[in-house]
Amino acid sequence: MPPKEPDVVDRVLDTLDNYLDLLHDRVLRPIFLVGRTVAFGFFLFLVAIVVVVTLLVGAVRLLNVYAFSAHEWITYLLLGATLIGIGLVLWRKRRPVTLRK
């Protein structure tokens, strides 16, 4: 029996399948990747904020209870000076907008 030639319906469905695969690979996949990246980035940003706030609260409590129990102002002075120092270091590392390329 000779091999049967595909009928019109099979060819149309194969062509449609190829175009849908092309649409998925060229259009939808990059959109999904960007959306996933934005979602994970936002989640990691929120987790980082929670971790930083928790560490700061823990540092204040640790210093108030064990290091400077009678003088809370020393704790605030120490943490304030540390955060200002970090801010100044980051401020020095910035570049003007025209040089950022």
Protein backbone atom coordinates (compact mmCIF):
# COMPACT_ATOMS: atom_id res chain seq x y z
CA MET A 1 0.00 0.00 0.00
CA PRO A 2 1.55 3.36 -0.98
CA PRO A 3 2.07 6.01 1.73
CA LYS A 4 -0.95 8.20 2.08
CA GLU A 5 -0.61 11.93 1.47
CA PRO A 6 -1.76 14.08 4.44
CA ASP A 7 -5.13 15.61 3.90
CA VAL A 8 -5.99 19.30 4.04
CA VAL A 9 -7.06 19.25 7.70
CA ASP A 10 -3.73 17.75 8.84
CA ARG A 11 -1.74 20.33 6.86
CA VAL A 12 -3.80 23.23 8.20
CA LEU A 13 -3.48 22.01 11.78
CA ASP A 14 0.28 21.48 11.37
CA THR A 15 0.65 25.00 9.98
CA LEU A 16 -1.46 26.44 12.81
CA ASP A 17 0.59 24.51 15.34
CA ASN A 18 3.84 25.86 13.87
CA TYR A 19 2.56 29.45 13.99
CA LEU A 20 1.35 29.08 17.56
CA ASP A 21 4.74 27.66 18.59
CA LEU A 22 6.43 30.60 16.89
CA LEU A 23 4.12 33.06 18.65
CA HIS A 24 4.82 31.42 22.00
CA ASP A 25 8.60 31.39 21.51
CA ARG A 26 8.95 34.94 20.18
CA VAL A 27 6.23 36.86 22.04
CA LEU A 28 4.85 35.11 25.08
CA ARG A 29 8.03 33.59 26.51
CA PRO A 30 9.85 36.98 26.82
CA ILE A 31 6.75 38.50 28.43
CA PHE A 32 6.60 35.66 30.95
CA LEU A 33 10.34 35.99 31.70
CA VAL A 34 10.03 39.74 32.32
CA GLY A 35 6.99 39.24 34.54
CA ARG A 36 8.71 36.51 36.52
CA THR A 37 11.82 38.67 36.96
CA VAL A 38 9.76 41.64 38.18
CA ALA A 39 7.78 39.47 40.60
CA PHE A 40 10.86 37.78 42.09
CA GLY A 41 12.70 41.11 42.29
CA PHE A 42 9.82 42.72 44.15
CA PHE A 43 9.61 39.76 46.53
CA LEU A 44 13.36 39.86 47.23
CA PHE A 45 13.19 43.62 47.79
CA LEU A 46 10.44 43.18 50.39
CA VAL A 47 12.36 40.37 52.11
CA ALA A 48 15.48 42.55 52.22
CA ILE A 49 13.53 45.40 53.84
CA VAL A 50 12.14 43.04 56.49
CA VAL A 51 15.61 41.62 57.21
CA VAL A 52 17.22 45.07 57.51
CA VAL A 53 14.50 46.38 59.84
CA THR A 54 14.69 43.22 61.96
CA LEU A 55 18.48 43.50 62.25
CA LEU A 56 18.25 47.18 63.24
CA VAL A 57 15.63 46.47 65.91
CA GLY A 58 17.72 43.57 67.20
CA ALA A 59 20.85 45.73 67.30
CA VAL A 60 19.06 48.46 69.26
CA ARG A 61 17.69 45.98 71.77
CA LEU A 62 21.02 44.19 72.10
CA LEU A 63 22.92 47.41 72.69
CA ASN A 64 20.30 48.80 75.08
CA VAL A 65 20.18 45.66 77.22
CA TYR A 66 23.77 44.41 77.26
CA ALA A 67 26.13 47.19 76.22
CA PHE A 68 24.66 50.49 77.43
CA SER A 69 21.91 49.51 79.82
CA ALA A 70 21.67 52.82 81.66
CA HIS A 71 22.43 55.12 78.72
CA GLU A 72 20.12 54.56 75.76
CA TRP A 73 21.29 57.71 74.04
CA ILE A 74 24.68 56.08 73.39
CA THR A 75 22.93 53.32 71.42
CA TYR A 76 21.10 55.83 69.25
CA LEU A 77 24.28 57.89 68.80
CA LEU A 78 26.28 54.82 67.76
CA LEU A 79 23.68 53.48 65.32
CA GLY A 80 23.01 56.95 63.91
CA ALA A 81 26.70 57.58 63.32
CA THR A 82 27.06 54.17 61.68
CA LEU A 83 24.12 54.75 59.33
CA ILE A 84 25.31 58.26 58.48
CA GLY A 85 28.77 56.86 57.72
CA ILE A 86 27.28 54.23 55.40
CA GLY A 87 25.20 56.92 53.71
CA LEU A 88 28.25 59.13 53.17
CA VAL A 89 30.24 56.26 51.67
CA LEU A 90 27.39 55.48 49.27
CA TRP A 91 27.01 59.18 48.44
CA ARG A 92 30.69 59.41 47.49
CA LYS A 93 30.37 56.43 45.17
CA ARG A 94 27.60 57.99 43.09
CA ARG A 95 28.31 59.40 39.65
CA PRO A 96 26.67 62.27 37.79
CA VAL A 97 23.94 61.32 35.33
CA THR A 98 26.09 62.15 32.27
CA LEU A 99 28.85 59.73 33.36
CA ARG A 100 26.65 56.71 34.14
CA LYS A 101 26.93 55.14 30.68
